[in-house]
Amino acid sequence: MTAFKVLIVDDEVDFLESLVRRLKRRMVDASGVTSGEAALEHLAREPADVVVLDVKMPGMNGIDTLREIKKRHPRVEVILLTGHASVESGVEGLALEAFDYLIKPVKLDELIERVMEAFDRRRVVGEIDAAEHGAGEGI
């Protein structure tokens, strides 16, 4: 498996810690934070390739966090994850260039598959950008 970094953002601490631990057991370089604000601070210090982002969080919600991530880190792929299915938030998230929108509970294998697909897209887009604009910014 190609090494890549995943940031999990969810205000449900038990879910967050369990998911990070399970991803690490699968050899995924995962870390977690409990808010949108913390996600932005984390990304400023430690880049991630893929962010798995809860939609419903107190303070900065997932959609607002997605908007800021795409503004500050346009190459980071974001997968929205929610326990509260909402067609509107899914459509809004995809319009803001989220890679995918998943409903909790999601099977770990399905989530890892989506994370790997998101990382593949990030890698390919980075290679295309590098070919079009020279060495410049890599992934």
Foldseek 3Di string as FASTA:
>chain_A
DDAFEEEEEAQPVVVFVVLQVVVVVVVHNYDYDHDLVVVVVCCVVPNGQEYEAEQDHPDQGRLNSLLVCCVVPVLRAYEYEYQDDDPVVQVSSVVSPHQYYYHPPDDSVVVVVSVVVSSVVSQVVQVVCCVVPPNPDHD
